[in-house]
Amino acid sequence: MAYCTSDQISSAVGGAARLVQITDPTNTTLNTGAVTSAIAKADAVIDSYATGTGGATGTAGALWSSTPTAANQAAIIIAVYTLYLRLWDSVPAEWVGEYERVVEQLVDLSKGRVSWVASEDPPQQNIGRVYYFTSNTADRATTPNRRTTRGTLDKL
């Protein structure tokens, strides 16, 4: 199961005629092999970042039981970027910006800053603080020889 389809890619680039222009240098027929290859590359890129993240429990190419919208959009953008590079060796600026944004999202996903599963929050960041008490900040009569308390060592 791929994260996107050739129809979705066609829609994203502006229709079937435009997709033919991107995939075939003679502008005559759609190069389905190039589209399939670009989709496979997009899936592999997403899998490389998403494997092991929250909610991603399936196999490669199908890490989620149903494809999250963010994974679908990322796959479309990566596939279009790949198609432009493969045939034309250059990518329009609008797609370069989108591709860079997707890569940032994938990095955030792999680091646990975001979650692509709507029902799951991203992993919580360690926001614990370590406190210490010295003779200047604690009354020695109430806390003799105690520099810290058990509760303040949480998350250390």
N, C-alpha and C. Protein backbone atom coordinates (compact mmCIF):
# COMPACT_ATOMS: atom_id res chain seq x y z
N MET A 1 0.85 -1.18 0.00
CA MET A 1 0.00 0.00 0.00
C MET A 1 0.89 1.24 0.00
N ALA A 2 0.71 2.08 -0.98
CA ALA A 2 1.48 3.31 -1.08
C ALA A 2 0.76 4.43 -0.33
N TYR A 3 1.52 5.45 0.02
CA TYR A 3 0.94 6.57 0.75
C TYR A 3 0.18 7.53 -0.16
N CYS A 4 0.40 7.44 -1.48
CA CYS A 4 -0.35 8.27 -2.41
C CYS A 4 -0.55 7.49 -3.71
N THR A 5 -1.38 8.03 -4.59
CA THR A 5 -1.67 7.39 -5.87
C THR A 5 -1.25 8.30 -7.01
N SER A 6 -1.18 7.74 -8.20
CA SER A 6 -0.82 8.56 -9.36
C SER A 6 -1.91 9.59 -9.65
N ASP A 7 -3.17 9.27 -9.36
CA ASP A 7 -4.25 10.25 -9.54
C ASP A 7 -4.07 11.46 -8.63
N GLN A 8 -3.64 11.21 -7.39
CA GLN A 8 -3.39 12.32 -6.47
C GLN A 8 -2.21 13.18 -6.94
N ILE A 9 -1.20 12.53 -7.48
CA ILE A 9 -0.06 13.28 -8.01
C ILE A 9 -0.50 14.11 -9.21
N SER A 10 -1.28 13.50 -10.08
CA SER A 10 -1.80 14.22 -11.25
C SER A 10 -2.61 15.43 -10.84
N SER A 11 -3.44 15.28 -9.85
CA SER A 11 -4.24 16.38 -9.34
C SER A 11 -3.37 17.48 -8.74
N ALA A 12 -2.31 17.09 -8.05
CA ALA A 12 -1.43 18.06 -7.40
C ALA A 12 -0.65 18.90 -8.40
N VAL A 13 -0.28 18.32 -9.53
CA VAL A 13 0.52 19.07 -10.51
C VAL A 13 -0.33 19.84 -11.50
N GLY A 14 -1.63 19.63 -11.48
CA GLY A 14 -2.50 20.40 -12.36
C GLY A 14 -3.16 19.60 -13.46
N GLY A 15 -3.21 18.31 -13.31
CA GLY A 15 -3.92 17.48 -14.29
C GLY A 15 -3.03 16.48 -14.99
N ALA A 16 -3.69 15.61 -15.74
CA ALA A 16 -2.99 14.53 -16.43
C ALA A 16 -2.04 15.05 -17.48
N ALA A 17 -2.43 16.09 -18.20
CA ALA A 17 -1.56 16.64 -19.25
C ALA A 17 -0.25 17.16 -18.67
N ARG A 18 -0.34 17.81 -17.53
CA ARG A 18 0.88 18.32 -16.89
C ARG A 18 1.75 17.18 -16.38
N LEU A 19 1.13 16.13 -15.87
CA LEU A 19 1.90 14.99 -15.40
C LEU A 19 2.62 14.31 -16.56
N VAL A 20 1.99 14.27 -17.73
CA VAL A 20 2.65 13.73 -18.92
C VAL A 20 3.87 14.57 -19.26
N GLN A 21 3.75 15.89 -19.18
CA GLN A 21 4.88 16.78 -19.46
C GLN A 21 6.04 16.55 -18.50
N ILE A 22 5.72 16.27 -17.25
CA ILE A 22 6.76 16.08 -16.24
C ILE A 22 7.46 14.73 -16.42
N THR A 23 6.71 13.71 -16.86
CA THR A 23 7.28 12.36 -16.89
C THR A 23 7.81 11.92 -18.25
N ASP A 24 7.40 12.58 -19.33
CA ASP A 24 7.80 12.14 -20.67
C ASP A 24 8.39 13.31 -21.46
N PRO A 25 9.65 13.19 -21.90
CA PRO A 25 10.28 14.31 -22.61
C PRO A 25 9.62 14.61 -23.96
N THR A 26 8.92 13.64 -24.54
CA THR A 26 8.24 13.88 -25.82
C THR A 26 6.81 14.38 -25.64
N ASN A 27 6.34 14.43 -24.41
CA ASN A 27 4.99 14.90 -24.08
C ASN A 27 3.89 14.12 -24.80
N THR A 28 4.09 12.81 -24.95
CA THR A 28 3.09 12.02 -25.67
C THR A 28 2.29 11.11 -24.75
N THR A 29 2.96 10.38 -23.86
CA THR A 29 2.24 9.45 -22.99
C THR A 29 2.78 9.55 -21.57
N LEU A 30 1.96 9.14 -20.67
CA LEU A 30 2.36 9.12 -19.26
C LEU A 30 3.34 7.99 -19.02
N ASN A 31 4.45 8.29 -18.43
CA ASN A 31 5.45 7.27 -18.08
C ASN A 31 5.05 6.71 -16.71
N THR A 32 4.26 5.66 -16.72
CA THR A 32 3.75 5.09 -15.46
C THR A 32 4.88 4.49 -14.63
N GLY A 33 5.92 4.01 -15.30
CA GLY A 33 7.07 3.47 -14.57
C GLY A 33 7.74 4.54 -13.73
N ALA A 34 7.88 5.74 -14.30
CA ALA A 34 8.50 6.85 -13.56
C ALA A 34 7.62 7.26 -12.37
N VAL A 35 6.31 7.28 -12.58
CA VAL A 35 5.39 7.66 -11.50
C VAL A 35 5.44 6.61 -10.39
N THR A 36 5.39 5.34 -10.77
CA THR A 36 5.45 4.26 -9.78
C THR A 36 6.76 4.31 -9.00
N SER A 37 7.84 4.56 -9.70
CA SER A 37 9.15 4.66 -9.05
C SER A 37 9.21 5.85 -8.09
N ALA A 38 8.64 6.97 -8.49
CA ALA A 38 8.63 8.16 -7.62
C ALA A 38 7.79 7.92 -6.38
N ILE A 39 6.67 7.22 -6.54
CA ILE A 39 5.83 6.89 -5.38
C ILE A 39 6.58 5.96 -4.44
N ALA A 40 7.29 4.97 -5.00
CA ALA A 40 8.06 4.05 -4.18
C ALA A 40 9.17 4.79 -3.42
N LYS A 41 9.81 5.75 -4.09
CA LYS A 41 10.85 6.53 -3.42
C LYS A 41 10.24 7.37 -2.29
N ALA A 42 9.09 7.98 -2.55
CA ALA A 42 8.42 8.77 -1.51
C ALA A 42 8.08 7.90 -0.31
N ASP A 43 7.56 6.70 -0.57
CA ASP A 43 7.25 5.78 0.52
C ASP A 43 8.49 5.44 1.33
N ALA A 44 9.59 5.18 0.63
CA ALA A 44 10.84 4.82 1.31
C ALA A 44 11.37 5.97 2.16
N VAL A 45 11.27 7.19 1.65
CA VAL A 45 11.74 8.35 2.41
C VAL A 45 10.90 8.51 3.67
N ILE A 46 9.59 8.43 3.53
CA ILE A 46 8.71 8.57 4.69
C ILE A 46 8.96 7.46 5.69
N ASP A 47 9.09 6.23 5.21
CA ASP A 47 9.35 5.10 6.11
C ASP A 47 10.66 5.27 6.86
N SER A 48 11.68 5.83 6.19
CA SER A 48 12.98 5.99 6.86
C SER A 48 12.89 6.93 8.04
N TYR A 49 12.01 7.91 7.97
CA TYR A 49 11.85 8.84 9.09
C TYR A 49 10.81 8.36 10.10
N ALA A 50 9.77 7.68 9.62
CA ALA A 50 8.64 7.37 10.49
C ALA A 50 8.73 6.04 11.22
N THR A 51 9.61 5.14 10.78
CA THR A 51 9.72 3.84 11.43
C THR A 51 10.09 4.02 12.89
N GLY A 52 9.31 3.41 13.77
CA GLY A 52 9.58 3.48 15.19
C GLY A 52 8.91 4.63 15.90
N THR A 53 8.20 5.48 15.16
CA THR A 53 7.50 6.59 15.81
C THR A 53 6.15 6.12 16.32
N GLY A 54 5.55 6.92 17.16
CA GLY A 54 4.27 6.56 17.75
C GLY A 54 3.20 6.33 16.71
N GLY A 55 2.49 5.23 16.82
CA GLY A 55 1.41 4.92 15.91
C GLY A 55 1.85 4.22 14.64
N ALA A 56 3.13 4.23 14.34
CA ALA A 56 3.65 3.59 13.12
C ALA A 56 4.06 2.16 13.47
N THR A 57 3.12 1.25 13.34
CA THR A 57 3.38 -0.12 13.78
C THR A 57 3.37 -1.14 12.65
N GLY A 58 3.05 -0.72 11.43
CA GLY A 58 2.95 -1.67 10.33
C GLY A 58 4.29 -1.95 9.67
N THR A 59 4.21 -2.43 8.46
CA THR A 59 5.40 -2.74 7.69
C THR A 59 5.74 -1.58 6.76
N ALA A 60 6.90 -1.66 6.14
CA ALA A 60 7.34 -0.59 5.23
C ALA A 60 6.30 -0.36 4.14
N GLY A 61 6.02 0.91 3.87
CA GLY A 61 5.01 1.26 2.89
C GLY A 61 3.60 1.28 3.44
N ALA A 62 3.43 0.79 4.66
CA ALA A 62 2.12 0.77 5.30
C ALA A 62 2.31 0.81 6.81
N LEU A 63 3.00 1.84 7.29
CA LEU A 63 3.31 1.92 8.71
C LEU A 63 2.07 2.16 9.57
N TRP A 64 1.06 2.77 9.00
CA TRP A 64 -0.15 3.06 9.74
C TRP A 64 -1.30 2.22 9.19
N SER A 65 -2.28 1.91 10.02
CA SER A 65 -3.42 1.11 9.55
C SER A 65 -4.20 1.86 8.48
N SER A 66 -4.31 3.16 8.60
CA SER A 66 -4.86 4.00 7.54
C SER A 66 -3.89 5.17 7.37
N THR A 67 -3.62 5.54 6.15
CA THR A 67 -2.61 6.55 5.86
C THR A 67 -3.01 7.90 6.43
N PRO A 68 -2.18 8.48 7.32
CA PRO A 68 -2.48 9.82 7.83
C PRO A 68 -2.43 10.85 6.70
N THR A 69 -3.21 11.88 6.83
CA THR A 69 -3.25 12.94 5.81
C THR A 69 -1.87 13.53 5.59
N ALA A 70 -1.12 13.74 6.66
CA ALA A 70 0.22 14.32 6.53
C ALA A 70 1.14 13.40 5.73
N ALA A 71 1.02 12.08 5.91
CA ALA A 71 1.84 11.14 5.15
C ALA A 71 1.44 11.16 3.68
N ASN A 72 0.16 11.28 3.42
CA ASN A 72 -0.33 11.35 2.04
C ASN A 72 0.21 12.59 1.34
N GLN A 73 0.10 13.74 2.00
CA GLN A 73 0.58 14.99 1.40
C GLN A 73 2.10 14.96 1.22
N ALA A 74 2.81 14.42 2.20
CA ALA A 74 4.26 14.33 2.10
C ALA A 74 4.66 13.44 0.93
N ALA A 75 3.98 12.33 0.75
CA ALA A 75 4.30 11.42 -0.35
C ALA A 75 4.06 12.07 -1.70
N ILE A 76 2.98 12.82 -1.82
CA ILE A 76 2.70 13.51 -3.08
C ILE A 76 3.82 14.50 -3.39
N ILE A 77 4.21 15.29 -2.42
CA ILE A 77 5.23 16.32 -2.63
C ILE A 77 6.58 15.68 -2.96
N ILE A 78 6.96 14.64 -2.23
CA ILE A 78 8.23 13.98 -2.49
C ILE A 78 8.22 13.33 -3.88
N ALA A 79 7.11 12.74 -4.26
CA ALA A 79 7.01 12.09 -5.58
C ALA A 79 7.12 13.12 -6.71
N VAL A 80 6.43 14.23 -6.58
CA VAL A 80 6.50 15.27 -7.62
C VAL A 80 7.92 15.83 -7.71
N TYR A 81 8.52 16.09 -6.56
CA TYR A 81 9.91 16.58 -6.53
C TYR A 81 10.83 15.59 -7.23
N THR A 82 10.65 14.31 -6.96
CA THR A 82 11.46 13.26 -7.57
C THR A 82 11.25 13.21 -9.08
N LEU A 83 10.01 13.33 -9.53
CA LEU A 83 9.72 13.31 -10.96
C LEU A 83 10.40 14.47 -11.69
N TYR A 84 10.32 15.64 -11.13
CA TYR A 84 10.98 16.80 -11.75
C TYR A 84 12.50 16.57 -11.84
N LEU A 85 13.09 16.11 -10.74
CA LEU A 85 14.54 15.90 -10.74
C LEU A 85 14.96 14.82 -11.73
N ARG A 86 14.17 13.77 -11.83
CA ARG A 86 14.54 12.63 -12.66
C ARG A 86 14.64 13.00 -14.13
N LEU A 87 13.71 13.78 -14.64
CA LEU A 87 13.70 14.08 -16.06
C LEU A 87 14.28 15.45 -16.39
N TRP A 88 14.01 16.42 -15.56
CA TRP A 88 14.36 17.79 -15.91
C TRP A 88 15.58 18.34 -15.16
N ASP A 89 16.05 17.64 -14.17
CA ASP A 89 17.22 18.07 -13.37
C ASP A 89 17.02 19.42 -12.68
N SER A 90 15.81 19.90 -12.65
CA SER A 90 15.51 21.12 -11.90
C SER A 90 14.07 21.02 -11.41
N VAL A 91 13.81 21.73 -10.34
CA VAL A 91 12.49 21.66 -9.73
C VAL A 91 11.98 23.09 -9.58
N PRO A 92 10.72 23.36 -9.96
CA PRO A 92 10.16 24.70 -9.76
C PRO A 92 10.24 25.11 -8.28
N ALA A 93 10.43 26.39 -8.05
CA ALA A 93 10.63 26.92 -6.70
C ALA A 93 9.49 26.54 -5.75
N GLU A 94 8.27 26.53 -6.25
CA GLU A 94 7.14 26.19 -5.38
C GLU A 94 7.26 24.77 -4.82
N TRP A 95 7.76 23.85 -5.63
CA TRP A 95 7.92 22.47 -5.18
C TRP A 95 9.15 22.31 -4.30
N VAL A 96 10.18 23.11 -4.54
CA VAL A 96 11.36 23.06 -3.68
C VAL A 96 10.97 23.48 -2.26
N GLY A 97 10.22 24.56 -2.14
CA GLY A 97 9.76 25.03 -0.83
C GLY A 97 8.91 24.00 -0.12
N GLU A 98 7.99 23.38 -0.87
CA GLU A 98 7.14 22.34 -0.29
C GLU A 98 7.97 21.14 0.16
N TYR A 99 8.95 20.76 -0.65
CA TYR A 99 9.79 19.62 -0.31
C TYR A 99 10.59 19.91 0.96
N GLU A 100 11.14 21.09 1.07
CA GLU A 100 11.90 21.45 2.27
C GLU A 100 11.01 21.44 3.51
N ARG A 101 9.78 21.90 3.36
CA ARG A 101 8.82 21.88 4.48
C ARG A 101 8.51 20.45 4.90
N VAL A 102 8.36 19.56 3.92
CA VAL A 102 8.07 18.16 4.22
C VAL A 102 9.24 17.52 4.95
N VAL A 103 10.45 17.80 4.50
CA VAL A 103 11.63 17.22 5.17
C VAL A 103 11.70 17.70 6.62
N GLU A 104 11.38 18.97 6.86
CA GLU A 104 11.36 19.48 8.24
C GLU A 104 10.31 18.73 9.07
N GLN A 105 9.14 18.49 8.48
CA GLN A 105 8.10 17.74 9.18
C GLN A 105 8.56 16.32 9.49
N LEU A 106 9.23 15.69 8.54
CA LEU A 106 9.71 14.33 8.76
C LEU A 106 10.77 14.27 9.86
N VAL A 107 11.63 15.27 9.89
CA VAL A 107 12.63 15.33 10.96
C VAL A 107 11.93 15.49 12.31
N ASP A 108 10.94 16.38 12.37
CA ASP A 108 10.19 16.56 13.61
C ASP A 108 9.46 15.26 14.00
N LEU A 109 8.94 14.55 13.01
CA LEU A 109 8.26 13.28 13.29
C LEU A 109 9.24 12.27 13.87
N SER A 110 10.42 12.18 13.28
CA SER A 110 11.39 11.18 13.75
C SER A 110 11.93 11.51 15.13
N LYS A 111 11.95 12.81 15.48
CA LYS A 111 12.44 13.21 16.80
C LYS A 111 11.33 13.23 17.85
N GLY A 112 10.11 12.92 17.45
CA GLY A 112 9.00 12.84 18.40
C GLY A 112 8.38 14.18 18.73
N ARG A 113 8.65 15.20 17.94
CA ARG A 113 8.07 16.52 18.20
C ARG A 113 6.63 16.62 17.72
N VAL A 114 6.27 15.81 16.72
CA VAL A 114 4.91 15.80 16.19
C VAL A 114 4.46 14.36 16.04
N SER A 115 3.16 14.18 15.90
CA SER A 115 2.59 12.86 15.63
C SER A 115 1.65 13.01 14.45
N TRP A 116 1.70 12.06 13.53
CA TRP A 116 0.80 12.09 12.38
C TRP A 116 -0.46 11.30 12.64
N VAL A 117 -0.60 10.73 13.82
CA VAL A 117 -1.79 9.98 14.18
C VAL A 117 -2.66 10.91 15.03
N ALA A 118 -3.86 11.21 14.53
CA ALA A 118 -4.71 12.20 15.18
C ALA A 118 -5.06 11.84 16.62
N SER A 119 -5.19 10.56 16.91
CA SER A 119 -5.60 10.15 18.25
C SER A 119 -4.44 10.03 19.22
N GLU A 120 -3.24 10.35 18.77
CA GLU A 120 -2.07 10.17 19.62
C GLU A 120 -1.27 11.47 19.73
N ASP A 121 -0.98 11.85 20.96
CA ASP A 121 -0.16 13.03 21.18
C ASP A 121 1.29 12.68 20.93
N PRO A 122 2.10 13.68 20.52
CA PRO A 122 3.53 13.40 20.38
C PRO A 122 4.13 13.08 21.75
N PRO A 123 5.24 12.36 21.78
CA PRO A 123 5.86 12.05 23.06
C PRO A 123 6.13 13.33 23.85
N GLN A 124 5.92 13.23 25.14
CA GLN A 124 6.14 14.38 25.98
C GLN A 124 7.62 14.68 26.12
N GLN A 125 7.93 15.94 26.13
CA GLN A 125 9.32 16.32 26.31
C GLN A 125 9.65 16.29 27.80
N ASN A 126 10.88 16.03 28.09
CA ASN A 126 11.34 16.02 29.48
C ASN A 126 11.44 17.47 29.94
N ILE A 127 10.50 17.87 30.77
CA ILE A 127 10.52 19.25 31.23
C ILE A 127 10.81 19.32 32.73
N GLY A 128 11.31 18.24 33.29
CA GLY A 128 11.64 18.21 34.71
C GLY A 128 12.77 19.17 35.03
N ARG A 129 12.80 19.65 36.25
CA ARG A 129 13.85 20.55 36.69
C ARG A 129 14.58 19.94 37.88
N VAL A 130 15.82 20.22 37.99
CA VAL A 130 16.60 19.75 39.12
C VAL A 130 16.81 20.93 40.05
N TYR A 131 16.41 20.76 41.27
CA TYR A 131 16.59 21.79 42.28
C TYR A 131 17.69 21.38 43.24
N TYR A 132 18.34 22.34 43.81
CA TYR A 132 19.27 22.04 44.88
C TYR A 132 19.17 23.15 45.92
N PHE A 133 19.43 22.77 47.12
CA PHE A 133 19.36 23.71 48.22
C PHE A 133 20.74 23.84 48.84
N THR A 134 21.09 25.03 49.15
CA THR A 134 22.35 25.26 49.87
C THR A 134 22.01 25.91 51.19
N SER A 135 23.00 26.13 51.99
CA SER A 135 22.76 26.76 53.28
C SER A 135 22.22 28.17 53.10
N ASN A 136 22.43 28.75 51.95
CA ASN A 136 21.92 30.10 51.71
C ASN A 136 20.43 30.11 51.37
N THR A 137 19.92 29.00 50.82
CA THR A 137 18.52 28.99 50.38
C THR A 137 17.61 28.16 51.26
N ALA A 138 18.14 27.37 52.17
CA ALA A 138 17.30 26.53 53.03
C ALA A 138 17.68 26.74 54.49
N ASP A 139 16.68 26.70 55.30
CA ASP A 139 16.91 26.84 56.73
C ASP A 139 17.54 25.56 57.27
N ARG A 140 18.69 25.65 57.86
CA ARG A 140 19.40 24.46 58.36
C ARG A 140 18.64 23.78 59.49
N ALA A 141 17.85 24.52 60.21
CA ALA A 141 17.12 23.92 61.33
C ALA A 141 16.06 22.94 60.82
N THR A 142 15.46 23.22 59.67
CA THR A 142 14.41 22.34 59.15
C THR A 142 14.94 21.33 58.15
N THR A 143 16.05 21.62 57.51
CA THR A 143 16.61 20.69 56.53
C THR A 143 18.11 20.51 56.77
N PRO A 144 18.47 19.91 57.90
CA PRO A 144 19.89 19.75 58.16
C PRO A 144 20.53 18.75 57.19
N ASN A 145 21.64 19.10 56.62
CA ASN A 145 22.43 18.25 55.74
C ASN A 145 21.67 17.76 54.50
N ARG A 146 20.54 18.33 54.21
CA ARG A 146 19.80 17.90 53.04
C ARG A 146 19.99 18.93 51.94
N ARG A 147 20.54 18.48 50.87
CA ARG A 147 20.77 19.37 49.74
C ARG A 147 19.60 19.35 48.75
N THR A 148 18.86 18.26 48.71
CA THR A 148 17.75 18.15 47.80
C THR A 148 16.73 17.16 48.36
N THR A 149 15.57 17.12 47.75
CA THR A 149 14.54 16.18 48.18
C THR A 149 14.28 15.18 47.06
N ARG A 150 13.68 14.07 47.42
CA ARG A 150 13.42 13.01 46.44
C ARG A 150 12.58 13.52 45.26
N GLY A 151 11.58 14.31 45.54
CA GLY A 151 10.71 14.83 44.48
C GLY A 151 11.43 15.70 43.49
N THR A 152 12.47 16.36 43.90
CA THR A 152 13.17 17.23 42.97
C THR A 152 14.17 16.51 42.11
N LEU A 153 14.36 15.20 42.36
CA LEU A 153 15.27 14.42 41.53
C LEU A 153 14.55 13.69 40.41
N ASP A 154 13.23 13.82 40.34
CA ASP A 154 12.49 13.17 39.26
C ASP A 154 13.03 13.65 37.94
N LYS A 155 13.09 12.75 36.98
CA LYS A 155 13.53 13.03 35.61
C LYS A 155 15.01 13.39 35.53
N LEU A 156 15.77 13.01 36.52
CA LEU A 156 17.19 13.32 36.48
C LEU A 156 17.93 12.22 35.77
